[in-house]
């Protein structure tokens, strides 16, 4: 009986040492893979180092060109509502139509942001235009034109 107990303890100790060795080997393999991935990420970040916070750089100044083009297409079946869908004209004889197709890009925008580090903080500028003029046609309109100094001053229109 004593030998059976000895064999069981010896077998359990052997199993424990094998599993702990495997766990240690697996942990070392995981750490090696993690180190390799870290080195790879650092190499990729170093090779693709572009301008910080912008699309282009001129000296210390970063320039960010942004915007989008939005095209709207519509068809008015009975009454001409235009691209704003002004529902008060429904039923008005002056806006009656037998069908009208229209399109617009008035909500498109394009802009330029700049940022330059200085002793006063970052000095930035913004110029943004859209095509949403007040008379219902696609004409250039100034949305934003401003200069920022640090986090405290904004001079211009936003």
N, C-alpha and C. Protein backbone atom coordinates (compact mmCIF):
# COMPACT_ATOMS: atom_id res chain seq x y z
N UNK A 1 0.82 -1.18 0.00
CA UNK A 1 0.00 0.00 0.00
C UNK A 1 0.88 1.25 0.00
N UNK A 2 1.96 1.18 0.77
CA UNK A 2 2.86 2.32 0.83
C UNK A 2 3.53 2.56 -0.52
N UNK A 3 3.84 1.58 -1.25
CA UNK A 3 4.46 1.74 -2.55
C UNK A 3 3.48 2.32 -3.56
N UNK A 4 2.21 1.97 -3.44
CA UNK A 4 1.22 2.55 -4.35
C UNK A 4 1.10 4.05 -4.11
N UNK A 5 1.13 4.42 -2.83
CA UNK A 5 1.05 5.84 -2.50
C UNK A 5 2.29 6.58 -2.98
N UNK A 6 3.45 5.96 -2.84
CA UNK A 6 4.70 6.54 -3.31
C UNK A 6 4.66 6.74 -4.83
N UNK A 7 4.16 5.71 -5.53
CA UNK A 7 4.07 5.80 -6.99
C UNK A 7 3.12 6.93 -7.40
N UNK A 8 2.01 7.07 -6.69
CA UNK A 8 1.04 8.12 -7.02
C UNK A 8 1.64 9.50 -6.79
N UNK A 9 2.37 9.66 -5.69
CA UNK A 9 3.01 10.95 -5.39
C UNK A 9 4.09 11.25 -6.43
N UNK A 10 4.88 10.24 -6.75
CA UNK A 10 5.93 10.41 -7.74
C UNK A 10 5.34 10.76 -9.11
N UNK A 11 4.27 10.10 -9.47
CA UNK A 11 3.59 10.38 -10.74
C UNK A 11 3.01 11.80 -10.74
N UNK A 12 2.41 12.23 -9.64
CA UNK A 12 1.86 13.58 -9.54
C UNK A 12 2.97 14.63 -9.62
N UNK A 13 4.10 14.38 -8.97
CA UNK A 13 5.22 15.32 -9.01
C UNK A 13 5.79 15.43 -10.42
N UNK A 14 5.87 14.30 -11.09
CA UNK A 14 6.37 14.31 -12.46
C UNK A 14 5.44 15.10 -13.38
N UNK A 15 4.14 14.86 -13.23
CA UNK A 15 3.16 15.58 -14.05
C UNK A 15 3.22 17.08 -13.76
N UNK A 16 3.36 17.44 -12.50
CA UNK A 16 3.45 18.86 -12.14
C UNK A 16 4.69 19.51 -12.73
N UNK A 17 5.83 18.81 -12.68
CA UNK A 17 7.06 19.40 -13.21
C UNK A 17 6.99 19.54 -14.72
N UNK A 18 6.36 18.58 -15.40
CA UNK A 18 6.23 18.67 -16.87
C UNK A 18 5.33 19.83 -17.25
N UNK A 19 4.19 19.99 -16.56
CA UNK A 19 3.28 21.09 -16.91
C UNK A 19 3.88 22.44 -16.57
N UNK A 20 4.62 22.54 -15.48
CA UNK A 20 5.24 23.83 -15.16
C UNK A 20 6.34 24.17 -16.16
N UNK A 21 7.07 23.16 -16.63
CA UNK A 21 8.09 23.38 -17.65
C UNK A 21 7.45 23.83 -18.95
N UNK A 22 6.33 23.21 -19.32
CA UNK A 22 5.61 23.61 -20.53
C UNK A 22 5.07 25.03 -20.39
N UNK A 23 4.53 25.34 -19.21
CA UNK A 23 4.00 26.69 -18.99
C UNK A 23 5.12 27.72 -19.07
N UNK A 24 6.29 27.40 -18.51
CA UNK A 24 7.42 28.32 -18.58
C UNK A 24 7.87 28.50 -20.02
N UNK A 25 7.93 27.41 -20.79
CA UNK A 25 8.34 27.49 -22.19
C UNK A 25 7.33 28.30 -22.99
N UNK A 26 6.04 28.09 -22.71
CA UNK A 26 5.00 28.84 -23.43
C UNK A 26 5.07 30.32 -23.07
N UNK A 27 5.32 30.64 -21.81
CA UNK A 27 5.44 32.03 -21.38
C UNK A 27 6.65 32.70 -22.04
N UNK A 28 7.76 31.98 -22.15
CA UNK A 28 8.95 32.52 -22.81
C UNK A 28 8.69 32.74 -24.30
N UNK A 29 7.94 31.82 -24.93
CA UNK A 29 7.61 31.97 -26.35
C UNK A 29 6.69 33.17 -26.55
N UNK A 30 5.71 33.35 -25.66
CA UNK A 30 4.80 34.49 -25.76
C UNK A 30 5.57 35.80 -25.59
N UNK A 31 6.49 35.85 -24.64
CA UNK A 31 7.29 37.05 -24.43
C UNK A 31 8.15 37.35 -25.63
N UNK A 32 8.73 36.31 -26.25
CA UNK A 32 9.56 36.52 -27.44
C UNK A 32 8.71 37.06 -28.59
N UNK A 33 7.50 36.52 -28.78
CA UNK A 33 6.61 37.02 -29.83
C UNK A 33 6.21 38.47 -29.56
N UNK A 34 5.94 38.79 -28.31
CA UNK A 34 5.58 40.16 -27.94
C UNK A 34 6.73 41.12 -28.21
N UNK A 35 7.94 40.73 -27.87
CA UNK A 35 9.11 41.58 -28.13
C UNK A 35 9.31 41.79 -29.64
N UNK A 36 9.10 40.73 -30.42
CA UNK A 36 9.25 40.84 -31.88
C UNK A 36 8.19 41.79 -32.45
N UNK A 37 6.97 41.70 -31.96
CA UNK A 37 5.91 42.60 -32.42
C UNK A 37 6.19 44.05 -32.05
N UNK A 38 6.69 44.27 -30.85
CA UNK A 38 7.03 45.64 -30.44
C UNK A 38 8.11 46.23 -31.35
N UNK A 39 9.12 45.43 -31.64
CA UNK A 39 10.20 45.91 -32.51
C UNK A 39 9.66 46.21 -33.91
N UNK A 40 8.75 45.39 -34.37
CA UNK A 40 8.17 45.60 -35.70
C UNK A 40 7.34 46.88 -35.75
N UNK A 41 6.53 47.12 -34.72
CA UNK A 41 5.72 48.34 -34.66
C UNK A 41 6.62 49.57 -34.61
N UNK A 42 7.67 49.53 -33.80
CA UNK A 42 8.59 50.66 -33.72
C UNK A 42 9.26 50.93 -35.06
N UNK A 43 9.64 49.88 -35.77
CA UNK A 43 10.27 50.05 -37.08
C UNK A 43 9.28 50.65 -38.08
N UNK A 44 8.03 50.20 -38.05
CA UNK A 44 7.02 50.75 -38.96
C UNK A 44 6.73 52.21 -38.65
N UNK A 45 6.64 52.55 -37.37
CA UNK A 45 6.40 53.95 -37.00
C UNK A 45 7.57 54.84 -37.40
N UNK A 46 8.78 54.35 -37.27
CA UNK A 46 9.95 55.14 -37.63
C UNK A 46 10.04 55.34 -39.14
N UNK A 47 9.65 54.34 -39.92
CA UNK A 47 9.77 54.46 -41.37
C UNK A 47 8.67 55.30 -41.97
N UNK A 48 7.51 55.38 -41.34
CA UNK A 48 6.41 56.16 -41.91
C UNK A 48 6.20 57.47 -41.16
N UNK A 49 7.26 57.99 -40.60
CA UNK A 49 7.13 59.24 -39.86
C UNK A 49 6.88 60.38 -40.82
N UNK A 50 5.64 60.84 -40.84
CA UNK A 50 5.26 61.97 -41.68
C UNK A 50 5.06 63.19 -40.81
N UNK A 51 4.45 64.20 -41.35
CA UNK A 51 4.20 65.39 -40.57
C UNK A 51 3.21 65.11 -39.44
N UNK A 52 3.50 65.63 -38.28
CA UNK A 52 2.60 65.45 -37.15
C UNK A 52 1.41 66.38 -37.29
N UNK A 53 0.22 65.85 -37.10
CA UNK A 53 -1.01 66.65 -37.13
C UNK A 53 -1.17 67.43 -38.43
N UNK A 54 -0.97 66.81 -39.55
CA UNK A 54 -1.16 67.52 -40.80
C UNK A 54 -0.78 66.68 -42.00
N UNK A 55 -1.17 67.17 -43.16
CA UNK A 55 -0.88 66.46 -44.39
C UNK A 55 0.49 66.83 -44.96
N UNK A 56 0.92 68.08 -44.76
CA UNK A 56 2.18 68.59 -45.33
C UNK A 56 2.92 69.36 -44.26
N UNK A 57 4.22 69.59 -44.51
CA UNK A 57 5.02 70.41 -43.60
C UNK A 57 5.83 71.41 -44.41
N UNK A 58 5.88 72.63 -43.89
CA UNK A 58 6.74 73.69 -44.39
C UNK A 58 7.53 74.20 -43.20
N UNK A 59 8.76 73.75 -43.05
CA UNK A 59 9.53 74.10 -41.86
C UNK A 59 8.87 73.51 -40.63
N UNK A 60 8.56 74.36 -39.66
CA UNK A 60 7.88 73.92 -38.45
C UNK A 60 6.37 73.93 -38.59
N UNK A 61 5.86 74.45 -39.69
CA UNK A 61 4.41 74.60 -39.87
C UNK A 61 3.83 73.35 -40.52
N UNK A 62 2.78 72.82 -39.89
CA UNK A 62 2.07 71.70 -40.51
C UNK A 62 0.80 72.23 -41.17
N UNK A 63 0.51 71.72 -42.36
CA UNK A 63 -0.66 72.13 -43.13
C UNK A 63 -1.58 70.93 -43.27
N UNK A 64 -2.84 71.14 -43.01
CA UNK A 64 -3.84 70.08 -43.09
C UNK A 64 -4.92 70.51 -44.07
N UNK A 65 -5.01 69.83 -45.19
CA UNK A 65 -6.03 70.11 -46.19
C UNK A 65 -7.17 69.13 -45.95
N UNK A 66 -8.40 69.62 -45.83
CA UNK A 66 -9.52 68.75 -45.51
C UNK A 66 -10.76 69.19 -46.29
N UNK A 67 -11.79 68.39 -46.22
CA UNK A 67 -13.05 68.72 -46.85
C UNK A 67 -13.73 67.49 -47.42
N UNK A 68 -14.82 67.72 -48.10
CA UNK A 68 -15.56 66.63 -48.73
C UNK A 68 -16.44 67.19 -49.83
N UNK A 69 -16.86 66.30 -50.70
CA UNK A 69 -17.81 66.66 -51.75
C UNK A 69 -19.08 65.88 -51.49
N UNK A 70 -20.19 66.59 -51.38
CA UNK A 70 -21.48 65.95 -51.18
C UNK A 70 -22.38 66.32 -52.35
N UNK A 71 -22.85 65.32 -53.06
CA UNK A 71 -23.74 65.55 -54.20
C UNK A 71 -25.14 65.07 -53.83
N UNK A 72 -26.13 65.91 -54.06
CA UNK A 72 -27.53 65.55 -53.83
C UNK A 72 -28.26 65.56 -55.17
N UNK A 73 -29.04 64.52 -55.41
CA UNK A 73 -29.86 64.41 -56.61
C UNK A 73 -31.30 64.25 -56.18
N UNK A 74 -32.23 64.95 -56.85
CA UNK A 74 -33.63 64.87 -56.44
C UNK A 74 -34.54 65.01 -57.66
N UNK A 75 -35.77 64.53 -57.49
CA UNK A 75 -36.80 64.63 -58.52
C UNK A 75 -38.08 65.09 -57.85
N UNK A 76 -38.62 66.24 -58.28
CA UNK A 76 -39.88 66.76 -57.75
C UNK A 76 -41.00 66.30 -58.68
N UNK A 77 -41.94 65.52 -58.15
CA UNK A 77 -43.01 64.94 -58.97
C UNK A 77 -44.11 65.95 -59.30
N UNK A 78 -44.69 66.60 -58.27
CA UNK A 78 -45.84 67.47 -58.50
C UNK A 78 -45.55 68.95 -58.27
N UNK A 79 -44.69 69.23 -57.29
CA UNK A 79 -44.40 70.62 -56.93
C UNK A 79 -42.90 70.81 -56.80
N UNK A 80 -42.39 71.92 -57.31
CA UNK A 80 -40.98 72.21 -57.29
C UNK A 80 -40.57 72.63 -55.89
N UNK A 81 -39.80 71.77 -55.19
CA UNK A 81 -39.35 72.09 -53.84
C UNK A 81 -37.88 72.46 -53.79
N UNK A 82 -37.13 72.14 -54.82
CA UNK A 82 -35.70 72.45 -54.83
C UNK A 82 -34.92 71.51 -53.94
N UNK A 83 -33.67 71.87 -53.66
CA UNK A 83 -32.81 70.99 -52.88
C UNK A 83 -32.99 71.12 -51.38
N UNK A 84 -33.81 72.04 -50.92
CA UNK A 84 -34.02 72.19 -49.49
C UNK A 84 -35.32 71.55 -49.03
N UNK A 85 -36.13 71.03 -49.94
CA UNK A 85 -37.41 70.37 -49.62
C UNK A 85 -38.26 71.27 -48.74
N UNK A 86 -38.53 72.47 -49.20
CA UNK A 86 -39.35 73.45 -48.48
C UNK A 86 -40.82 73.05 -48.66
N UNK A 87 -41.38 72.36 -47.67
CA UNK A 87 -42.70 71.74 -47.82
C UNK A 87 -43.85 72.75 -47.84
N UNK A 88 -43.63 74.01 -47.51
CA UNK A 88 -44.70 75.00 -47.54
C UNK A 88 -45.16 75.33 -48.95
N UNK A 89 -44.39 74.93 -49.97
CA UNK A 89 -44.77 75.22 -51.34
C UNK A 89 -45.65 74.14 -51.96
N UNK A 90 -45.86 73.05 -51.22
CA UNK A 90 -46.72 71.98 -51.74
C UNK A 90 -48.15 72.51 -51.83
N UNK A 91 -48.74 72.38 -52.98
CA UNK A 91 -50.10 72.85 -53.20
C UNK A 91 -50.19 74.25 -53.74
N UNK A 92 -49.09 74.98 -53.81
CA UNK A 92 -49.09 76.33 -54.36
C UNK A 92 -49.08 76.25 -55.89
N UNK A 93 -49.99 76.93 -56.54
CA UNK A 93 -50.02 76.87 -58.01
C UNK A 93 -48.73 77.38 -58.67
N UNK A 94 -48.04 78.29 -58.02
CA UNK A 94 -46.83 78.85 -58.62
C UNK A 94 -45.69 77.84 -58.69
N UNK A 95 -45.72 76.79 -57.86
CA UNK A 95 -44.65 75.79 -57.86
C UNK A 95 -45.08 74.46 -58.48
N UNK A 96 -46.23 74.43 -59.11
CA UNK A 96 -46.69 73.19 -59.73
C UNK A 96 -45.77 72.80 -60.88
N UNK A 97 -45.51 71.52 -61.02
CA UNK A 97 -44.63 71.02 -62.08
C UNK A 97 -45.10 69.63 -62.50
N UNK A 98 -44.75 69.26 -63.69
CA UNK A 98 -45.08 67.90 -64.14
C UNK A 98 -43.89 66.97 -63.91
N UNK A 99 -42.91 67.42 -63.22
CA UNK A 99 -41.73 66.62 -62.91
C UNK A 99 -40.46 67.38 -63.22
N UNK A 100 -39.60 67.52 -62.22
CA UNK A 100 -38.36 68.26 -62.38
C UNK A 100 -37.23 67.49 -61.70
N UNK A 101 -36.13 67.29 -62.42
CA UNK A 101 -34.93 66.67 -61.85
C UNK A 101 -33.95 67.77 -61.49
N UNK A 102 -33.28 67.62 -60.35
CA UNK A 102 -32.28 68.61 -59.95
C UNK A 102 -31.12 67.94 -59.22
N UNK A 103 -30.04 68.66 -59.11
CA UNK A 103 -28.88 68.18 -58.36
C UNK A 103 -28.11 69.38 -57.83
N UNK A 104 -27.33 69.14 -56.79
CA UNK A 104 -26.53 70.22 -56.20
C UNK A 104 -25.33 69.63 -55.46
N UNK A 105 -24.29 70.44 -55.34
CA UNK A 105 -23.12 70.10 -54.53
C UNK A 105 -22.90 71.19 -53.47
N UNK A 106 -23.99 71.89 -53.12
CA UNK A 106 -23.87 73.04 -52.24
C UNK A 106 -23.29 72.72 -50.87
N UNK A 107 -23.45 71.52 -50.36
CA UNK A 107 -22.96 71.22 -49.01
C UNK A 107 -21.51 70.77 -48.99
N UNK A 108 -20.84 70.81 -50.13
CA UNK A 108 -19.42 70.44 -50.18
C UNK A 108 -18.58 71.49 -49.47
N UNK A 109 -17.47 71.04 -48.90
CA UNK A 109 -16.57 71.95 -48.17
C UNK A 109 -15.13 71.65 -48.51
N UNK A 110 -14.31 72.69 -48.40
CA UNK A 110 -12.87 72.52 -48.52
C UNK A 110 -12.22 73.50 -47.54
N UNK A 111 -11.17 73.04 -46.89
CA UNK A 111 -10.54 73.89 -45.89
C UNK A 111 -9.06 73.62 -45.75
N UNK A 112 -8.38 74.55 -45.08
CA UNK A 112 -6.95 74.46 -44.81
C UNK A 112 -6.71 74.90 -43.38
N UNK A 113 -6.02 74.05 -42.62
CA UNK A 113 -5.62 74.39 -41.24
C UNK A 113 -4.11 74.40 -41.17
N UNK A 114 -3.56 75.33 -40.40
CA UNK A 114 -2.12 75.39 -40.18
C UNK A 114 -1.84 75.39 -38.69
N UNK A 115 -0.66 74.95 -38.33
CA UNK A 115 -0.24 74.97 -36.93
C UNK A 115 1.28 75.11 -36.89
N UNK A 116 1.74 76.10 -36.10
CA UNK A 116 3.16 76.35 -35.95
C UNK A 116 3.48 76.50 -34.47
N UNK A 117 4.40 75.70 -33.93
CA UNK A 117 4.76 75.87 -32.52
C UNK A 117 5.53 77.17 -32.30
N UNK A 118 5.25 77.82 -31.17
CA UNK A 118 5.96 79.06 -30.82
C UNK A 118 6.07 79.16 -29.31
N UNK A 119 6.71 80.20 -28.83
CA UNK A 119 6.87 80.42 -27.39
C UNK A 119 5.53 80.74 -26.73
N UNK A 120 4.57 81.27 -27.49
CA UNK A 120 3.25 81.60 -26.96
C UNK A 120 2.29 80.41 -26.97
N UNK A 121 2.72 79.31 -27.51
CA UNK A 121 1.86 78.16 -27.74
C UNK A 121 1.74 77.95 -29.24
N UNK A 122 0.94 77.02 -29.64
CA UNK A 122 0.76 76.79 -31.07
C UNK A 122 -0.01 77.94 -31.70
N UNK A 123 0.53 78.45 -32.80
CA UNK A 123 -0.16 79.49 -33.58
C UNK A 123 -0.75 78.79 -34.79
N UNK A 124 -2.07 78.87 -34.91
CA UNK A 124 -2.75 78.16 -35.98
C UNK A 124 -3.62 79.07 -36.80
N UNK A 125 -4.01 78.59 -37.94
CA UNK A 125 -4.92 79.34 -38.80
C UNK A 125 -5.87 78.37 -39.47
N UNK A 126 -7.02 78.89 -39.87
CA UNK A 126 -8.01 78.07 -40.55
C UNK A 126 -8.73 78.91 -41.59
N UNK A 127 -8.89 78.33 -42.76
CA UNK A 127 -9.66 78.94 -43.83
C UNK A 127 -10.53 77.85 -44.43
N UNK A 128 -11.85 78.02 -44.33
CA UNK A 128 -12.77 77.00 -44.84
C UNK A 128 -13.85 77.65 -45.69
N UNK A 129 -14.11 77.04 -46.84
CA UNK A 129 -15.12 77.53 -47.78
C UNK A 129 -16.14 76.43 -48.05
N UNK A 130 -17.37 76.83 -48.33
CA UNK A 130 -18.36 75.88 -48.82
C UNK A 130 -19.09 76.51 -50.00
N UNK A 131 -20.08 75.83 -50.53
CA UNK A 131 -20.82 76.31 -51.69
C UNK A 131 -22.27 76.63 -51.34
N UNK A 132 -22.56 76.86 -50.08
CA UNK A 132 -23.93 77.04 -49.62
C UNK A 132 -24.29 78.52 -49.53
N UNK A 133 -24.35 79.20 -50.66
CA UNK A 133 -24.69 80.63 -50.67
C UNK A 133 -26.16 80.83 -50.32
N UNK A 134 -26.52 82.05 -49.98
CA UNK A 134 -27.87 82.32 -49.48
C UNK A 134 -28.94 82.41 -50.57
N UNK A 135 -28.56 82.55 -51.83
CA UNK A 135 -29.57 82.71 -52.87
C UNK A 135 -29.97 81.40 -53.53
N UNK A 136 -29.56 80.24 -52.98
CA UNK A 136 -29.98 78.96 -53.50
C UNK A 136 -29.15 78.40 -54.62
N UNK A 137 -28.02 79.04 -54.93
CA UNK A 137 -27.13 78.51 -55.96
C UNK A 137 -25.83 78.06 -55.31
N UNK A 138 -25.04 77.31 -56.05
CA UNK A 138 -23.76 76.83 -55.54
C UNK A 138 -22.70 77.89 -55.80
N UNK A 139 -22.49 78.77 -54.84
CA UNK A 139 -21.46 79.81 -54.91
C UNK A 139 -20.56 79.71 -53.70
N UNK A 140 -19.29 80.07 -53.87
CA UNK A 140 -18.35 80.02 -52.75
C UNK A 140 -18.78 80.95 -51.63
N UNK A 141 -18.68 80.43 -50.41
CA UNK A 141 -19.00 81.21 -49.22
C UNK A 141 -17.94 80.92 -48.18
N UNK A 142 -17.52 81.95 -47.47
CA UNK A 142 -16.54 81.80 -46.41
C UNK A 142 -17.23 81.28 -45.15
N UNK A 143 -16.81 80.13 -44.65
CA UNK A 143 -17.36 79.58 -43.40
C UNK A 143 -16.50 79.97 -42.21
N UNK A 144 -15.21 79.68 -42.29
CA UNK A 144 -14.29 79.95 -41.19
C UNK A 144 -13.04 80.63 -41.73
N UNK A 145 -12.61 81.67 -41.04
CA UNK A 145 -11.32 82.32 -41.32
C UNK A 145 -10.83 82.86 -39.99
N UNK A 146 -9.82 82.22 -39.41
CA UNK A 146 -9.38 82.64 -38.09
C UNK A 146 -7.93 82.27 -37.84
N UNK A 147 -7.41 82.88 -36.78
CA UNK A 147 -6.07 82.59 -36.29
C UNK A 147 -6.21 82.28 -34.81
N UNK A 148 -5.53 81.23 -34.35
CA UNK A 148 -5.53 80.90 -32.93
C UNK A 148 -4.12 81.07 -32.38
N UNK A 149 -4.06 81.57 -31.15
CA UNK A 149 -2.77 81.72 -30.46
C UNK A 149 -2.90 80.96 -29.15
N UNK A 150 -2.15 79.88 -29.04
CA UNK A 150 -2.25 79.04 -27.85
C UNK A 150 -3.65 78.45 -27.75
N UNK A 151 -4.07 78.19 -26.52
CA UNK A 151 -5.42 77.67 -26.28
C UNK A 151 -6.39 78.74 -25.86
N UNK A 152 -5.93 80.02 -25.78
CA UNK A 152 -6.76 81.06 -25.19
C UNK A 152 -7.29 82.09 -26.18
N UNK A 153 -6.66 82.25 -27.33
CA UNK A 153 -7.06 83.33 -28.23
C UNK A 153 -7.53 82.79 -29.57
N UNK A 154 -8.66 83.32 -30.03
CA UNK A 154 -9.19 83.03 -31.36
C UNK A 154 -9.53 84.37 -31.97
N UNK A 155 -8.90 84.68 -33.10
CA UNK A 155 -9.14 85.95 -33.77
C UNK A 155 -9.70 85.63 -35.15
N UNK A 156 -10.90 86.09 -35.43
CA UNK A 156 -11.50 85.85 -36.73
C UNK A 156 -12.90 85.27 -36.62
N UNK A 157 -13.32 84.62 -37.66
CA UNK A 157 -14.68 84.11 -37.75
C UNK A 157 -14.65 82.59 -37.67
N UNK A 158 -15.46 82.05 -36.75
CA UNK A 158 -15.62 80.60 -36.68
C UNK A 158 -17.09 80.29 -36.64
